[in-house]
Amino acid sequence: MPYEAVGTLYKVFPEQQVTEKFRKREFVLSIQDGMYVQMVKFTLKQDRCSLIDGYAAGAEMKVVFSISGREVQGRDGQPIYFTSLDVWKIEPISITPMSDPFKDNEFGSSDDVPF
């Protein structure tokens, strides 16, 4: 099931070659949640590692992701649980300023009434 988050890029970590066949890259998105800011870490895997290229800290973006979780055995034999937010798509958020409806109207810039 896909989820979406909108926020500001806070930090991008370098790509990691975890095993011979697996690589990942993580980044942190600053997300406004009511009165509080949440710092959420997302993961890009394999061929998606380059999706964050071209974005700088402060960029506003929408992230489409899925949640995955797994259980591994700890050193003491007890299970340890991990959760990942796996990114599928990143879209820039472009904020376009609202245009002034009275500026550049079809009647020109004079104060004359057109009728």
PDB file of N, CA and C in Angstrom:
ATOM      1  N   MET A   1       0.849  -1.179   0.000  1.00  0.00           N
ATOM      2  CA  MET A   1       0.000   0.000   0.000  1.00  0.00           C
ATOM      3  C   MET A   1       0.894   1.241   0.000  1.00  0.00           C
ATOM      4  N   PRO A   2       0.727   2.132  -0.959  1.00  0.00           N
ATOM      5  CA  PRO A   2       1.574   3.335  -0.996  1.00  0.00           C
ATOM      6  C   PRO A   2       1.072   4.416  -0.030  1.00  0.00           C
ATOM      7  N   TYR A   3       2.013   5.131   0.532  1.00  0.00           N
ATOM      8  CA  TYR A   3       1.752   6.269   1.404  1.00  0.00           C
ATOM      9  C   TYR A   3       2.441   7.476   0.799  1.00  0.00           C
ATOM     10  N   GLU A   4       2.048   8.670   1.250  1.00  0.00           N
ATOM     11  CA  GLU A   4       2.678   9.911   0.784  1.00  0.00           C
ATOM     12  C   GLU A   4       3.050  10.776   1.972  1.00  0.00           C
ATOM     13  N   ALA A   5       4.146  11.484   1.832  1.00  0.00           N
ATOM     14  CA  ALA A   5       4.570  12.465   2.827  1.00  0.00           C
ATOM     15  C   ALA A   5       5.072  13.690   2.074  1.00  0.00           C
ATOM     16  N   VAL A   6       4.758  14.858   2.608  1.00  0.00           N
ATOM     17  CA  VAL A   6       5.216  16.113   2.029  1.00  0.00           C
ATOM     18  C   VAL A   6       6.047  16.832   3.076  1.00  0.00           C
ATOM     19  N   GLY A   7       7.222  17.282   2.680  1.00  0.00           N
ATOM     20  CA  GLY A   7       8.083  17.971   3.632  1.00  0.00           C
ATOM     21  C   GLY A   7       9.254  18.630   2.943  1.00  0.00           C
ATOM     22  N   THR A   8      10.230  19.020   3.767  1.00  0.00           N
ATOM     23  CA  THR A   8      11.423  19.714   3.310  1.00  0.00           C
ATOM     24  C   THR A   8      12.629  18.809   3.508  1.00  0.00           C
ATOM     25  N   LEU A   9      13.439  18.686   2.461  1.00  0.00           N
ATOM     26  CA  LEU A   9      14.635  17.852   2.550  1.00  0.00           C
ATOM     27  C   LEU A   9      15.582  18.445   3.584  1.00  0.00           C
ATOM     28  N   TYR A  10      15.949  17.640   4.566  1.00  0.00           N
ATOM     29  CA  TYR A  10      16.817  18.096   5.651  1.00  0.00           C
ATOM     30  C   TYR A  10      18.263  17.620   5.448  1.00  0.00           C
ATOM     31  N   LYS A  11      18.421  16.319   5.115  1.00  0.00           N
ATOM     32  CA  LYS A  11      19.771  15.774   4.978  1.00  0.00           C
ATOM     33  C   LYS A  11      19.742  14.566   4.058  1.00  0.00           C
ATOM     34  N   VAL A  12      20.806  14.426   3.246  1.00  0.00           N
ATOM     35  CA  VAL A  12      20.969  13.263   2.373  1.00  0.00           C
ATOM     36  C   VAL A  12      22.264  12.562   2.779  1.00  0.00           C
ATOM     37  N   PHE A  13      22.178  11.259   2.993  1.00  0.00           N
ATOM     38  CA  PHE A  13      23.345  10.471   3.366  1.00  0.00           C
ATOM     39  C   PHE A  13      23.965   9.845   2.113  1.00  0.00           C
ATOM     40  N   PRO A  14      25.256   9.507   2.170  1.00  0.00           N
ATOM     41  CA  PRO A  14      25.895   8.875   1.017  1.00  0.00           C
ATOM     42  C   PRO A  14      25.329   7.465   0.778  1.00  0.00           C
ATOM     43  N   GLU A  15      25.466   7.016  -0.442  1.00  0.00           N
ATOM     44  CA  GLU A  15      25.029   5.664  -0.787  1.00  0.00           C
ATOM     45  C   GLU A  15      25.897   4.641  -0.063  1.00  0.00           C
ATOM     46  N   GLN A  16      25.269   3.547   0.387  1.00  0.00           N
ATOM     47  CA  GLN A  16      25.986   2.476   1.083  1.00  0.00           C
ATOM     48  C   GLN A  16      25.870   1.182   0.285  1.00  0.00           C
ATOM     49  N   GLN A  17      26.977   0.526   0.080  1.00  0.00           N
ATOM     50  CA  GLN A  17      26.974  -0.800  -0.540  1.00  0.00           C
ATOM     51  C   GLN A  17      26.915  -1.793   0.618  1.00  0.00           C
ATOM     52  N   VAL A  18      25.720  -2.290   0.943  1.00  0.00           N
ATOM     53  CA  VAL A  18      25.510  -3.133   2.120  1.00  0.00           C
ATOM     54  C   VAL A  18      26.075  -4.533   1.886  1.00  0.00           C
ATOM     55  N   THR A  19      25.751  -5.129   0.767  1.00  0.00           N
ATOM     56  CA  THR A  19      26.323  -6.419   0.369  1.00  0.00           C
ATOM     57  C   THR A  19      26.762  -6.290  -1.084  1.00  0.00           C
ATOM     58  N   GLU A  20      27.270  -7.372  -1.632  1.00  0.00           N
ATOM     59  CA  GLU A  20      27.715  -7.342  -3.027  1.00  0.00           C
ATOM     60  C   GLU A  20      26.577  -6.977  -3.982  1.00  0.00           C
ATOM     61  N   LYS A  21      25.359  -7.386  -3.646  1.00  0.00           N
ATOM     62  CA  LYS A  21      24.224  -7.161  -4.543  1.00  0.00           C
ATOM     63  C   LYS A  21      23.208  -6.158  -4.029  1.00  0.00           C
ATOM     64  N   PHE A  22      23.433  -5.577  -2.868  1.00  0.00           N
ATOM     65  CA  PHE A  22      22.432  -4.675  -2.291  1.00  0.00           C
ATOM     66  C   PHE A  22      23.055  -3.348  -1.895  1.00  0.00           C
ATOM     67  N   ARG A  23      22.424  -2.253  -2.357  1.00  0.00           N
ATOM     68  CA  ARG A  23      22.863  -0.907  -1.984  1.00  0.00           C
ATOM     69  C   ARG A  23      21.657  -0.080  -1.571  1.00  0.00           C
ATOM     70  N   LYS A  24      21.916   0.918  -0.732  1.00  0.00           N
ATOM     71  CA  LYS A  24      20.835   1.790  -0.268  1.00  0.00           C
ATOM     72  C   LYS A  24      21.371   3.192  -0.022  1.00  0.00           C
ATOM     73  N   ARG A  25      20.435   4.128   0.035  1.00  0.00           N
ATOM     74  CA  ARG A  25      20.765   5.527   0.330  1.00  0.00           C
ATOM     75  C   ARG A  25      19.621   6.087   1.155  1.00  0.00           C
ATOM     76  N   GLU A  26      19.949   6.799   2.210  1.00  0.00           N
ATOM     77  CA  GLU A  26      18.930   7.328   3.109  1.00  0.00           C
ATOM     78  C   GLU A  26      18.920   8.850   3.077  1.00  0.00           C
ATOM     79  N   PHE A  27      17.755   9.410   3.394  1.00  0.00           N
ATOM     80  CA  PHE A  27      17.632  10.854   3.530  1.00  0.00           C
ATOM     81  C   PHE A  27      16.577  11.158   4.583  1.00  0.00           C
ATOM     82  N   VAL A  28      16.657  12.379   5.115  1.00  0.00           N
ATOM     83  CA  VAL A  28      15.735  12.809   6.165  1.00  0.00           C
ATOM     84  C   VAL A  28      14.870  13.928   5.627  1.00  0.00           C
ATOM     85  N   LEU A  29      13.578  13.785   5.850  1.00  0.00           N
ATOM     86  CA  LEU A  29      12.598  14.785   5.465  1.00  0.00           C
ATOM     87  C   LEU A  29      12.047  15.422   6.733  1.00  0.00           C
ATOM     88  N   SER A  30      11.998  16.727   6.755  1.00  0.00           N
ATOM     89  CA  SER A  30      11.406  17.474   7.862  1.00  0.00           C
ATOM     90  C   SER A  30       9.935  17.687   7.527  1.00  0.00           C
ATOM     91  N   ILE A  31       9.051  17.108   8.359  1.00  0.00           N
ATOM     92  CA  ILE A  31       7.620  17.135   8.083  1.00  0.00           C
ATOM     93  C   ILE A  31       6.903  17.860   9.213  1.00  0.00           C
ATOM     94  N   GLN A  32       6.127  18.879   8.859  1.00  0.00           N
ATOM     95  CA  GLN A  32       5.356  19.633   9.841  1.00  0.00           C
ATOM     96  C   GLN A  32       4.143  18.804  10.252  1.00  0.00           C
ATOM     97  N   ASP A  33       4.018  18.526  11.543  1.00  0.00           N
ATOM     98  CA  ASP A  33       2.915  17.733  12.075  1.00  0.00           C
ATOM     99  C   ASP A  33       2.240  18.543  13.176  1.00  0.00           C
ATOM    100  N   GLY A  34       1.294  19.388  12.761  1.00  0.00           N
ATOM    101  CA  GLY A  34       0.659  20.271  13.739  1.00  0.00           C
ATOM    102  C   GLY A  34       1.670  21.282  14.251  1.00  0.00           C
ATOM    103  N   MET A  35       1.847  21.315  15.565  1.00  0.00           N
ATOM    104  CA  MET A  35       2.788  22.250  16.183  1.00  0.00           C
ATOM    105  C   MET A  35       4.228  21.741  16.142  1.00  0.00           C
ATOM    106  N   TYR A  36       4.419  20.482  15.791  1.00  0.00           N
ATOM    107  CA  TYR A  36       5.734  19.870  15.898  1.00  0.00           C
ATOM    108  C   TYR A  36       6.297  19.510  14.523  1.00  0.00           C
ATOM    109  N   VAL A  37       7.617  19.475  14.462  1.00  0.00           N
ATOM    110  CA  VAL A  37       8.309  19.049  13.249  1.00  0.00           C
ATOM    111  C   VAL A  37       8.826  17.637  13.486  1.00  0.00           C
ATOM    112  N   GLN A  38       8.521  16.746  12.556  1.00  0.00           N
ATOM    113  CA  GLN A  38       8.997  15.372  12.634  1.00  0.00           C
ATOM    114  C   GLN A  38      10.151  15.204  11.658  1.00  0.00           C
ATOM    115  N   MET A  39      11.225  14.598  12.108  1.00  0.00           N
ATOM    116  CA  MET A  39      12.375  14.303  11.259  1.00  0.00           C
ATOM    117  C   MET A  39      12.283  12.822  10.917  1.00  0.00           C
ATOM    118  N   VAL A  40      11.935  12.528   9.647  1.00  0.00           N
ATOM    119  CA  VAL A  40      11.640  11.161   9.233  1.00  0.00           C
ATOM    120  C   VAL A  40      12.687  10.694   8.231  1.00  0.00           C
ATOM    121  N   LYS A  41      13.275   9.516   8.502  1.00  0.00           N
ATOM    122  CA  LYS A  41      14.299   8.962   7.620  1.00  0.00           C
ATOM    123  C   LYS A  41      13.662   7.983   6.637  1.00  0.00           C
ATOM    124  N   PHE A  42      13.942   8.191   5.348  1.00  0.00           N
ATOM    125  CA  PHE A  42      13.449   7.344   4.274  1.00  0.00           C
ATOM    126  C   PHE A  42      14.624   6.615   3.643  1.00  0.00           C
ATOM    127  N   THR A  43      14.324   5.499   2.972  1.00  0.00           N
ATOM    128  CA  THR A  43      15.359   4.680   2.353  1.00  0.00           C
ATOM    129  C   THR A  43      15.082   4.498   0.864  1.00  0.00           C
ATOM    130  N   LEU A  44      16.119   4.725   0.068  1.00  0.00           N
ATOM    131  CA  LEU A  44      16.102   4.423  -1.369  1.00  0.00           C
ATOM    132  C   LEU A  44      16.932   3.167  -1.555  1.00  0.00           C
ATOM    133  N   LYS A  45      16.419   2.197  -2.328  1.00  0.00           N
ATOM    134  CA  LYS A  45      17.134   0.936  -2.506  1.00  0.00           C
ATOM    135  C   LYS A  45      17.426   0.685  -3.982  1.00  0.00           C
ATOM    136  N   GLN A  46      18.574   0.040  -4.220  1.00  0.00           N
ATOM    137  CA  GLN A  46      19.004  -0.415  -5.531  1.00  0.00           C
ATOM    138  C   GLN A  46      18.993   0.695  -6.584  1.00  0.00           C
ATOM    139  N   ASP A  47      18.252   0.532  -7.676  1.00  0.00           N
ATOM    140  CA  ASP A  47      18.278   1.506  -8.770  1.00  0.00           C
ATOM    141  C   ASP A  47      17.571   2.808  -8.414  1.00  0.00           C
ATOM    142  N   ARG A  48      16.906   2.872  -7.280  1.00  0.00           N
ATOM    143  CA  ARG A  48      16.235   4.115  -6.866  1.00  0.00           C
ATOM    144  C   ARG A  48      17.157   5.046  -6.065  1.00  0.00           C
ATOM    145  N   CYS A  49      18.385   4.622  -5.796  1.00  0.00           N
ATOM    146  CA  CYS A  49      19.321   5.440  -5.014  1.00  0.00           C
ATOM    147  C   CYS A  49      19.556   6.812  -5.632  1.00  0.00           C
ATOM    148  N   SER A  50      19.435   6.918  -6.937  1.00  0.00           N
ATOM    149  CA  SER A  50      19.715   8.187  -7.617  1.00  0.00           C
ATOM    150  C   SER A  50      18.509   9.130  -7.649  1.00  0.00           C
ATOM    151  N   LEU A  51      17.351   8.696  -7.159  1.00  0.00           N
ATOM    152  CA  LEU A  51      16.163   9.569  -7.195  1.00  0.00           C
ATOM    153  C   LEU A  51      16.367  10.876  -6.435  1.00  0.00           C
ATOM    154  N   ILE A  52      17.228  10.881  -5.448  1.00  0.00           N
ATOM    155  CA  ILE A  52      17.437  12.076  -4.617  1.00  0.00           C
ATOM    156  C   ILE A  52      18.495  13.010  -5.226  1.00  0.00           C
ATOM    157  N   ASP A  53      19.216  12.530  -6.244  1.00  0.00           N
ATOM    158  CA  ASP A  53      20.220  13.379  -6.908  1.00  0.00           C
ATOM    159  C   ASP A  53      19.546  14.633  -7.462  1.00  0.00           C
ATOM    160  N   GLY A  54      20.208  15.744  -7.347  1.00  0.00           N
ATOM    161  CA  GLY A  54      19.673  16.990  -7.881  1.00  0.00           C
ATOM    162  C   GLY A  54      18.861  17.779  -6.864  1.00  0.00           C
ATOM    163  N   TYR A  55      18.605  17.193  -5.709  1.00  0.00           N
ATOM    164  CA  TYR A  55      17.876  17.915  -4.662  1.00  0.00           C
ATOM    165  C   TYR A  55      18.870  18.383  -3.608  1.00  0.00           C
ATOM    166  N   ALA A  56      18.663  19.592  -3.108  1.00  0.00           N
ATOM    167  CA  ALA A  56      19.513  20.147  -2.067  1.00  0.00           C
ATOM    168  C   ALA A  56      18.686  20.332  -0.800  1.00  0.00           C
ATOM    169  N   ALA A  57      19.370  20.427   0.316  1.00  0.00           N
ATOM    170  CA  ALA A  57      18.687  20.675   1.586  1.00  0.00           C
ATOM    171  C   ALA A  57      17.808  21.915   1.428  1.00  0.00           C
ATOM    172  N   GLY A  58      16.590  21.826   1.938  1.00  0.00           N
ATOM    173  CA  GLY A  58      15.646  22.928   1.834  1.00  0.00           C
ATOM    174  C   GLY A  58      14.622  22.742   0.728  1.00  0.00           C
ATOM    175  N   ALA A  59      14.853  21.770  -0.159  1.00  0.00           N
ATOM    176  CA  ALA A  59      13.911  21.521  -1.249  1.00  0.00           C
ATOM    177  C   ALA A  59      12.623  20.923  -0.695  1.00  0.00           C
ATOM    178  N   GLU A  60      11.494  21.404  -1.190  1.00  0.00           N
ATOM    179  CA  GLU A  60      10.209  20.849  -0.779  1.00  0.00           C
ATOM    180  C   GLU A  60       9.837  19.743  -1.747  1.00  0.00           C
ATOM    181  N   MET A  61       9.342  18.620  -1.192  1.00  0.00           N
ATOM    182  CA  MET A  61       9.053  17.471  -2.039  1.00  0.00           C
ATOM    183  C   MET A  61       7.947  16.606  -1.473  1.00  0.00           C
ATOM    184  N   LYS A  62       7.376  15.824  -2.383  1.00  0.00           N
ATOM    185  CA  LYS A  62       6.420  14.794  -1.990  1.00  0.00           C
ATOM    186  C   LYS A  62       7.101  13.456  -2.219  1.00  0.00           C
ATOM    187  N   VAL A  63       7.024  12.585  -1.217  1.00  0.00           N
ATOM    188  CA  VAL A  63       7.647  11.272  -1.277  1.00  0.00           C
ATOM    189  C   VAL A  63       6.549  10.217  -1.240  1.00  0.00           C
ATOM    190  N   VAL A  64       6.571   9.310  -2.202  1.00  0.00           N
ATOM    191  CA  VAL A  64       5.653   8.178  -2.222  1.00  0.00           C
ATOM    192  C   VAL A  64       6.457   6.973  -1.747  1.00  0.00           C
ATOM    193  N   PHE A  65       5.940   6.265  -0.734  1.00  0.00           N
ATOM    194  CA  PHE A  65       6.715   5.191  -0.115  1.00  0.00           C
ATOM    195  C   PHE A  65       5.818   4.067   0.377  1.00  0.00           C
ATOM    196  N   SER A  66       6.451   2.966   0.712  1.00  0.00           N
ATOM    197  CA  SER A  66       5.760   1.846   1.349  1.00  0.00           C
ATOM    198  C   SER A  66       6.477   1.559   2.673  1.00  0.00           C
ATOM    199  N   ILE A  67       5.789   0.885   3.554  1.00  0.00           N
ATOM    200  CA  ILE A  67       6.347   0.525   4.852  1.00  0.00           C
ATOM    201  C   ILE A  67       6.661  -0.965   4.829  1.00  0.00           C
ATOM    202  N   SER A  68       7.872  -1.309   5.223  1.00  0.00           N
ATOM    203  CA  SER A  68       8.225  -2.726   5.343  1.00  0.00           C
ATOM    204  C   SER A  68       8.825  -2.957   6.723  1.00  0.00           C
ATOM    205  N   GLY A  69       8.634  -4.147   7.220  1.00  0.00           N
ATOM    206  CA  GLY A  69       9.169  -4.500   8.535  1.00  0.00           C
ATOM    207  C   GLY A  69       9.687  -5.915   8.522  1.00  0.00           C
ATOM    208  N   ARG A  70      10.633  -6.184   9.388  1.00  0.00           N
ATOM    209  CA  ARG A  70      11.176  -7.535   9.456  1.00  0.00           C
ATOM    210  C   ARG A  70      11.666  -7.832  10.869  1.00  0.00           C
ATOM    211  N   GLU A  71      11.806  -9.106  11.103  1.00  0.00           N
ATOM    212  CA  GLU A  71      12.293  -9.595  12.393  1.00  0.00           C
ATOM    213  C   GLU A  71      13.617 -10.306  12.163  1.00  0.00           C
ATOM    214  N   VAL A  72      14.613 -10.004  12.972  1.00  0.00           N
ATOM    215  CA  VAL A  72      15.899 -10.707  12.925  1.00  0.00           C
ATOM    216  C   VAL A  72      16.257 -11.162  14.332  1.00  0.00           C
ATOM    217  N   GLN A  73      17.087 -12.180  14.402  1.00  0.00           N
ATOM    218  CA  GLN A  73      17.522 -12.683  15.697  1.00  0.00           C
ATOM    219  C   GLN A  73      18.651 -11.812  16.234  1.00  0.00           C
ATOM    220  N   GLY A  74      18.516 -11.349  17.462  1.00  0.00           N
ATOM    221  CA  GLY A  74      19.567 -10.590  18.108  1.00  0.00           C
ATOM    222  C   GLY A  74      20.660 -11.512  18.617  1.00  0.00           C
ATOM    223  N   ARG A  75      21.739 -10.940  19.098  1.00  0.00           N
ATOM    224  CA  ARG A  75      22.863 -11.742  19.607  1.00  0.00           C
ATOM    225  C   ARG A  75      22.465 -12.596  20.804  1.00  0.00           C
ATOM    226  N   ASP A  76      21.495 -12.086  21.546  1.00  0.00           N
ATOM    227  CA  ASP A  76      21.050 -12.829  22.729  1.00  0.00           C
ATOM    228  C   ASP A  76      19.926 -13.817  22.407  1.00  0.00           C
ATOM    229  N   GLY A  77      19.614 -13.982  21.117  1.00  0.00           N
ATOM    230  CA  GLY A  77      18.577 -14.909  20.710  1.00  0.00           C
ATOM    231  C   GLY A  77      17.180 -14.312  20.704  1.00  0.00           C
ATOM    232  N   GLN A  78      17.045 -13.099  21.194  1.00  0.00           N
ATOM    233  CA  GLN A  78      15.751 -12.432  21.219  1.00  0.00           C
ATOM    234  C   GLN A  78      15.512 -11.733  19.874  1.00  0.00           C
ATOM    235  N   PRO A  79      14.265 -11.691  19.436  1.00  0.00           N
ATOM    236  CA  PRO A  79      13.995 -11.029  18.152  1.00  0.00           C
ATOM    237  C   PRO A  79      14.138  -9.509  18.249  1.00  0.00           C
ATOM    238  N   ILE A  80      14.619  -8.931  17.147  1.00  0.00           N
ATOM    239  CA  ILE A  80      14.719  -7.482  17.004  1.00  0.00           C
ATOM    240  C   ILE A  80      13.876  -7.123  15.782  1.00  0.00           C
ATOM    241  N   TYR A  81      13.123  -6.034  15.868  1.00  0.00           N
ATOM    242  CA  TYR A  81      12.224  -5.636  14.787  1.00  0.00           C
ATOM    243  C   TYR A  81      12.710  -4.346  14.139  1.00  0.00           C
ATOM    244  N   PHE A  82      12.710  -4.332  12.811  1.00  0.00           N
ATOM    245  CA  PHE A  82      13.119  -3.171  12.038  1.00  0.00           C
ATOM    246  C   PHE A  82      11.965  -2.732  11.141  1.00  0.00           C
ATOM    247  N   THR A  83      11.845  -1.427  10.981  1.00  0.00           N
ATOM    248  CA  THR A  83      10.842  -0.850  10.084  1.00  0.00           C
ATOM    249  C   THR A  83      11.551   0.058   9.094  1.00  0.00           C
ATOM    250  N   SER A  84      11.176  -0.029   7.816  1.00  0.00           N
ATOM    251  CA  SER A  84      11.765   0.817   6.783  1.00  0.00           C
ATOM    252  C   SER A  84      10.669   1.540   6.028  1.00  0.00           C
ATOM    253  N   LEU A  85      10.956   2.771   5.658  1.00  0.00           N
ATOM    254  CA  LEU A  85      10.082   3.547   4.776  1.00  0.00           C
ATOM    255  C   LEU A  85      10.777   3.555   3.417  1.00  0.00           C
ATOM    256  N   ASP A  86      10.330   2.672   2.523  1.00  0.00           N
ATOM    257  CA  ASP A  86      10.984   2.449   1.240  1.00  0.00           C
ATOM    258  C   ASP A  86      10.380   3.348   0.165  1.00  0.00           C
ATOM    259  N   VAL A  87      11.201   4.234  -0.380  1.00  0.00           N
ATOM    260  CA  VAL A  87      10.744   5.240  -1.336  1.00  0.00           C
ATOM    261  C   VAL A  87      10.598   4.635  -2.731  1.00  0.00           C
ATOM    262  N   TRP A  88       9.474   4.976  -3.368  1.00  0.00           N
ATOM    263  CA  TRP A  88       9.212   4.562  -4.751  1.00  0.00           C
ATOM    264  C   TRP A  88       9.325   5.734  -5.712  1.00  0.00           C
ATOM    265  N   LYS A  89       8.975   6.920  -5.228  1.00  0.00           N
ATOM    266  CA  LYS A  89       8.950   8.082  -6.129  1.00  0.00           C
ATOM    267  C   LYS A  89       9.155   9.358  -5.317  1.00  0.00           C
ATOM    268  N   ILE A  90       9.829  10.331  -5.916  1.00  0.00           N
ATOM    269  CA  ILE A  90      10.021  11.659  -5.325  1.00  0.00           C
ATOM    270  C   ILE A  90       9.549  12.679  -6.347  1.00  0.00           C
ATOM    271  N   GLU A  91       8.710  13.609  -5.897  1.00  0.00           N
ATOM    272  CA  GLU A  91       8.223  14.671  -6.773  1.00  0.00           C
ATOM    273  C   GLU A  91       8.524  16.020  -6.135  1.00  0.00           C
ATOM    274  N   PRO A  92       9.091  16.954  -6.901  1.00  0.00           N
ATOM    275  CA  PRO A  92       9.328  18.296  -6.338  1.00  0.00           C
ATOM    276  C   PRO A  92       7.995  19.014  -6.143  1.00  0.00           C
ATOM    277  N   ILE A  93       7.946  19.826  -5.116  1.00  0.00           N
ATOM    278  CA  ILE A  93       6.777  20.674  -4.876  1.00  0.00           C
ATOM    279  C   ILE A  93       7.179  22.070  -5.323  1.00  0.00           C
ATOM    280  N   SER A  94       6.541  22.555  -6.370  1.00  0.00           N
ATOM    281  CA  SER A  94       6.844  23.911  -6.829  1.00  0.00           C
ATOM    282  C   SER A  94       5.738  24.820  -6.337  1.00  0.00           C
ATOM    283  N   ILE A  95       6.145  25.831  -5.644  1.00  0.00           N
ATOM    284  CA  ILE A  95       5.191  26.791  -5.117  1.00  0.00           C
ATOM    285  C   ILE A  95       5.123  27.955  -6.092  1.00  0.00           C
ATOM    286  N   THR A  96       4.004  28.079  -6.764  1.00  0.00           N
ATOM    287  CA  THR A  96       3.840  29.171  -7.715  1.00  0.00           C
ATOM    288  C   THR A  96       3.101  30.304  -7.022  1.00  0.00           C
ATOM    289  N   PRO A  97       3.619  31.509  -7.119  1.00  0.00           N
ATOM    290  CA  PRO A  97       2.950  32.624  -6.463  1.00  0.00           C
ATOM    291  C   PRO A  97       1.593  32.895  -7.101  1.00  0.00           C
ATOM    292  N   MET A  98       0.668  33.298  -6.269  1.00  0.00           N
ATOM    293  CA  MET A  98      -0.662  33.633  -6.775  1.00  0.00           C
ATOM    294  C   MET A  98      -0.551  34.906  -7.599  1.00  0.00           C
ATOM    295  N   SER A  99      -1.224  34.931  -8.718  1.00  0.00           N
ATOM    296  CA  SER A  99      -1.171  36.124  -9.552  1.00  0.00           C
ATOM    297  C   SER A  99      -2.184  37.138  -9.051  1.00  0.00           C
ATOM    298  N   ASP A 100      -1.884  38.378  -9.275  1.00  0.00           N
ATOM    299  CA  ASP A 100      -2.777  39.468  -8.902  1.00  0.00           C
ATOM    300  C   ASP A 100      -3.819  39.610 -10.004  1.00  0.00           C
ATOM    301  N   PRO A 101      -5.108  39.403  -9.714  1.00  0.00           N
ATOM    302  CA  PRO A 101      -6.115  39.450 -10.774  1.00  0.00           C
ATOM    303  C   PRO A 101      -6.284  40.831 -11.390  1.00  0.00           C
ATOM    304  N   PHE A 102      -5.810  41.889 -10.704  1.00  0.00           N
ATOM    305  CA  PHE A 102      -5.964  43.249 -11.211  1.00  0.00           C
ATOM    306  C   PHE A 102      -4.733  43.729 -11.969  1.00  0.00           C
ATOM    307  N   LYS A 103      -3.652  42.964 -11.878  1.00  0.00           N
ATOM    308  CA  LYS A 103      -2.433  43.328 -12.585  1.00  0.00           C
ATOM    309  C   LYS A 103      -2.503  42.733 -13.991  1.00  0.00           C
ATOM    310  N   ASP A 104      -2.025  43.450 -14.965  1.00  0.00           N
ATOM    311  CA  ASP A 104      -2.007  42.991 -16.354  1.00  0.00           C
ATOM    312  C   ASP A 104      -3.382  42.542 -16.841  1.00  0.00           C
ATOM    313  N   ASN A 105      -4.405  43.313 -16.486  1.00  0.00           N
ATOM    314  CA  ASN A 105      -5.740  42.941 -16.969  1.00  0.00           C
ATOM    315  C   ASN A 105      -5.888  43.333 -18.435  1.00  0.00           C
ATOM    316  N   GLU A 106      -6.942  42.894 -19.050  1.00  0.00           N
ATOM    317  CA  GLU A 106      -7.118  43.117 -20.481  1.00  0.00           C
ATOM    318  C   GLU A 106      -7.391  44.572 -20.835  1.00  0.00           C
ATOM    319  N   PHE A 107      -7.636  45.418 -19.835  1.00  0.00           N
ATOM    320  CA  PHE A 107      -7.958  46.815 -20.092  1.00  0.00           C
ATOM    321  C   PHE A 107      -6.746  47.721 -19.970  1.00  0.00           C
ATOM    322  N   GLY A 108      -5.584  47.155 -19.735  1.00  0.00           N
ATOM    323  CA  GLY A 108      -4.390  47.962 -19.592  1.00  0.00           C
ATOM    324  C   GLY A 108      -4.212  48.370 -18.145  1.00  0.00           C
ATOM    325  N   SER A 109      -3.293  49.285 -17.920  1.00  0.00           N
ATOM    326  CA  SER A 109      -2.969  49.648 -16.541  1.00  0.00           C
ATOM    327  C   SER A 109      -3.590  50.977 -16.124  1.00  0.00           C
ATOM    328  N   SER A 110      -4.396  51.579 -16.959  1.00  0.00           N
ATOM    329  CA  SER A 110      -4.999  52.856 -16.572  1.00  0.00           C
ATOM    330  C   SER A 110      -6.171  52.622 -15.641  1.00  0.00           C
ATOM    331  N   ASP A 111      -6.573  53.671 -14.961  1.00  0.00           N
ATOM    332  CA  ASP A 111      -7.704  53.599 -14.050  1.00  0.00           C
ATOM    333  C   ASP A 111      -9.030  53.871 -14.744  1.00  0.00           C
ATOM    334  N   ASP A 112      -8.994  54.038 -16.075  1.00  0.00           N
ATOM    335  CA  ASP A 112     -10.218  54.319 -16.816  1.00  0.00           C
ATOM    336  C   ASP A 112     -11.114  53.097 -16.835  1.00  0.00           C
ATOM    337  N   VAL A 113     -12.393  53.322 -16.729  1.00  0.00           N
ATOM    338  CA  VAL A 113     -13.369  52.250 -16.826  1.00  0.00           C
ATOM    339  C   VAL A 113     -13.582  51.939 -18.298  1.00  0.00           C
ATOM    340  N   PRO A 114     -13.592  50.666 -18.704  1.00  0.00           N
ATOM    341  CA  PRO A 114     -13.642  50.333 -20.113  1.00  0.00           C
ATOM    342  C   PRO A 114     -15.016  50.498 -20.765  1.00  0.00           C
ATOM    343  N   PHE A 115     -15.981  51.050 -20.099  1.00  0.00           N
ATOM    344  CA  PHE A 115     -17.306  51.222 -20.730  1.00  0.00           C
ATOM    345  C   PHE A 115     -17.784  52.639 -20.627  1.00  0.00           C
TER     346      PHE A 115
END
